[in-house]
Structures are given as structure tokens and as C-alpha cells.
Amino acid sequence: MAVKFHYSIIMALIVTSCQISSRYFLQAQAQTDGTATYYSPPYTPSACYGDQDQGVMIAAANDAIWNNGSACGQFYEVICISGTNSDTGLGSSTVTVMIVDHCPSGCRGTIDLSQEAFASIADLSSWIINISYQKYV
């Protein structure tokens, strides 16, 4: 009985380690550079969810990410690299957001973050920041 128990624990640890390693490897491969801007509430209606509130850690995608709406509900990790007008006043460096909307024509960023998401990684006075981003797979 003890041998089976120890074997099960060891196998579970090996499988978990492999899953974590492959997930990290896949995420690192999908990282891309771009820019982020922000928009202010109200966040509804949105192109993906209409009047359903999806919280505040959300974003709108530019045409390349939007891909005719297939980006709806996908999660992206956004990392602030630097401010475009200043490198000071940055908050934490990473935020995870869900795509809920399409960035309107003339959008200046790759990803248009909610005001709250933007403020968690940069000072709002920056308006636009240089980012690295990756889709959660």
C-alpha cells in the first residue's frame, strides 16, 4: 500500500512539473511587443458581451488581435516595458486582462486597456505605454 501511495505522489509531481514547464514555454514563445492605451468607464456595451458586465480587468483589441471577433473572451498578459513620454511612475509591471471589445478605428494602441488595468501597470498620465504581451494558451 505504501509503495503505491509513494508512486502515485511521485507521478503526480512529475506530471504537474511537466505541465507547468510546457505552459511557461508556450507563453514565452507567444510574447509580442506593442503599445497600450486606456479607455474610461462605462465599459458596456461591448462588442463581445453587449450589456453584460465583465469586471474592470478588461481590454479592447486592435484589428490584428481582434481577428473578426475570435479574440472575445481570450486572456492576455500585458507587461509594461516603458512609458512613451516618461519612464517614471510605473506601477506593477504585469496585468492580465480579458478581451471584451474591439478597439475603434484610429485606435492608437495594440491593446486598449480599461483605465483600472492600465493604472495597475503605469501612471495614467502616460496615456500610451510600450508593452510586451502574450495570449494565455
Protein backbone atom coordinates (compact mmCIF):
# COMPACT_ATOMS: atom_id res chain seq x y z
CA MET A 1 0.00 0.00 0.00
CA ALA A 2 2.78 2.44 0.94
CA VAL A 3 4.63 1.74 -2.31
CA LYS A 4 1.54 2.51 -4.41
CA PHE A 5 0.94 5.70 -2.44
CA HIS A 6 4.52 6.97 -2.92
CA TYR A 7 4.47 6.00 -6.59
CA SER A 8 1.23 7.98 -7.09
CA ILE A 9 2.67 11.06 -5.43
CA ILE A 10 5.86 10.90 -7.49
CA MET A 11 3.90 10.51 -10.75
CA ALA A 12 1.62 13.42 -9.83
CA LEU A 13 4.64 15.65 -9.17
CA ILE A 14 6.27 14.70 -12.47
CA VAL A 15 3.09 15.34 -14.47
CA THR A 16 2.49 18.67 -12.69
CA SER A 17 6.08 19.79 -13.31
CA CYS A 18 5.81 18.97 -17.00
CA GLN A 19 2.52 20.83 -17.33
CA ILE A 20 3.95 23.92 -15.64
CA SER A 21 7.12 23.80 -17.76
CA SER A 22 5.24 23.41 -21.04
CA ARG A 23 2.77 26.17 -20.17
CA TYR A 24 5.61 28.57 -19.39
CA PHE A 25 7.45 27.60 -22.58
CA LEU A 26 4.35 28.14 -24.75
CA GLN A 27 3.62 31.54 -23.17
CA ALA A 28 7.20 32.74 -23.62
CA GLN A 29 7.07 31.84 -27.32
CA ALA A 30 3.91 33.91 -27.93
CA GLN A 31 5.24 37.19 -26.48
CA THR A 32 4.93 40.23 -28.78
CA ASP A 33 5.79 43.91 -28.40
CA GLY A 34 3.29 46.71 -28.96
CA THR A 35 1.66 49.69 -27.28
CA ALA A 36 -1.22 50.08 -24.85
CA THR A 37 -3.63 52.93 -24.30
CA TYR A 38 -6.63 53.08 -22.00
CA TYR A 39 -10.32 53.90 -22.02
CA SER A 40 -12.62 55.03 -19.21
CA PRO A 41 -15.93 53.62 -17.94
CA PRO A 42 -18.64 52.81 -18.72
CA TYR A 43 -17.33 49.57 -20.22
CA THR A 44 -20.70 48.37 -21.50
CA PRO A 45 -21.99 47.75 -24.03
CA SER A 46 -19.07 45.83 -25.51
CA ALA A 47 -18.71 44.14 -28.89
CA CYS A 48 -18.30 40.72 -27.24
CA TYR A 49 -20.77 40.74 -24.36
CA GLY A 50 -23.26 43.53 -25.04
CA ASP A 51 -24.57 44.87 -21.72
CA GLN A 52 -23.11 42.06 -19.57
CA ASP A 53 -20.55 43.43 -17.11
CA GLN A 54 -17.22 41.60 -17.30
CA GLY A 55 -15.46 43.47 -14.49
CA VAL A 56 -12.69 46.01 -14.85
CA MET A 57 -9.61 43.97 -15.81
CA ILE A 58 -10.63 44.04 -19.45
CA ALA A 59 -9.40 45.37 -22.79
CA ALA A 60 -10.31 46.15 -26.37
CA ALA A 61 -8.21 44.60 -29.15
CA ASN A 62 -6.90 46.25 -32.29
CA ASP A 63 -7.69 44.70 -35.68
CA ALA A 64 -4.69 42.31 -35.65
CA ILE A 65 -5.66 40.75 -32.31
CA TRP A 66 -9.43 41.09 -32.85
CA ASN A 67 -9.41 38.70 -35.82
CA ASN A 68 -13.08 39.18 -36.71
CA GLY A 69 -14.19 38.67 -33.12
CA SER A 70 -12.32 35.46 -32.37
CA ALA A 71 -10.41 37.32 -29.60
CA CYS A 72 -13.58 37.65 -27.48
CA GLY A 73 -13.05 36.10 -24.06
CA GLN A 74 -9.34 35.45 -24.56
CA PHE A 75 -6.95 36.43 -21.78
CA TYR A 76 -3.75 38.39 -22.35
CA GLU A 77 -0.88 39.11 -20.01
CA VAL A 78 0.35 42.66 -20.59
CA ILE A 79 3.75 43.77 -19.33
CA CYS A 80 4.70 47.46 -19.19
CA ILE A 81 8.15 47.96 -20.70
CA SER A 82 8.25 51.77 -20.51
CA GLY A 83 6.22 54.91 -20.81
CA THR A 84 6.38 56.64 -24.17
CA ASN A 85 6.70 60.09 -22.60
CA SER A 86 8.33 59.12 -19.28
CA ASP A 87 9.81 56.09 -17.60
CA THR A 88 8.77 57.19 -14.12
CA GLY A 89 5.65 56.50 -12.12
CA LEU A 90 5.12 52.92 -13.33
CA GLY A 91 3.12 50.65 -11.05
CA SER A 92 3.41 46.87 -11.02
CA SER A 93 4.73 45.53 -14.29
CA THR A 94 2.12 42.94 -15.31
CA VAL A 95 -1.66 42.73 -15.63
CA THR A 96 -3.93 40.03 -17.04
CA VAL A 97 -6.98 41.21 -18.99
CA MET A 98 -9.83 39.63 -20.90
CA ILE A 99 -10.68 40.91 -24.40
CA VAL A 100 -14.26 42.18 -24.35
CA ASP A 101 -14.31 44.74 -27.14
CA HIS A 102 -12.91 45.87 -30.47
CA CYS A 103 -10.77 48.98 -30.42
CA PRO A 104 -12.44 51.60 -32.62
CA SER A 105 -10.92 52.85 -35.89
CA GLY A 106 -7.96 55.06 -35.24
CA CYS A 107 -7.04 53.24 -32.04
CA ARG A 108 -3.50 54.28 -31.11
CA GLY A 109 -2.62 51.13 -29.19
CA THR A 110 -2.25 47.45 -29.86
CA ILE A 111 -4.41 46.85 -26.80
CA ASP A 112 -6.76 49.44 -25.31
CA LEU A 113 -6.83 48.60 -21.59
CA SER A 114 -9.54 49.57 -19.13
CA GLN A 115 -8.48 52.52 -17.02
CA GLU A 116 -8.09 50.24 -13.98
CA ALA A 117 -5.92 47.71 -15.83
CA PHE A 118 -3.70 50.47 -17.25
CA ALA A 119 -3.34 52.13 -13.82
CA SER A 120 -2.15 48.83 -12.34
CA ILE A 121 0.94 48.84 -14.59
CA ALA A 122 1.53 52.52 -15.44
CA ASP A 123 0.74 56.06 -14.41
CA LEU A 124 -2.42 57.29 -16.16
CA SER A 125 -0.60 60.45 -17.24
CA SER A 126 1.46 58.30 -19.61
CA TRP A 127 -1.60 57.83 -21.91
CA ILE A 128 0.31 55.35 -24.04
CA ILE A 129 2.96 52.82 -22.97
CA ASN A 130 5.29 50.35 -24.64
CA ILE A 131 4.28 46.81 -23.78
CA SER A 132 5.05 43.19 -24.30
CA TYR A 133 2.00 40.92 -24.37
CA GLN A 134 1.09 37.29 -24.72
CA LYS A 135 -2.10 35.33 -25.00
CA TYR A 136 -2.82 32.70 -22.39
CA VAL A 137 -3.00 29.37 -24.17
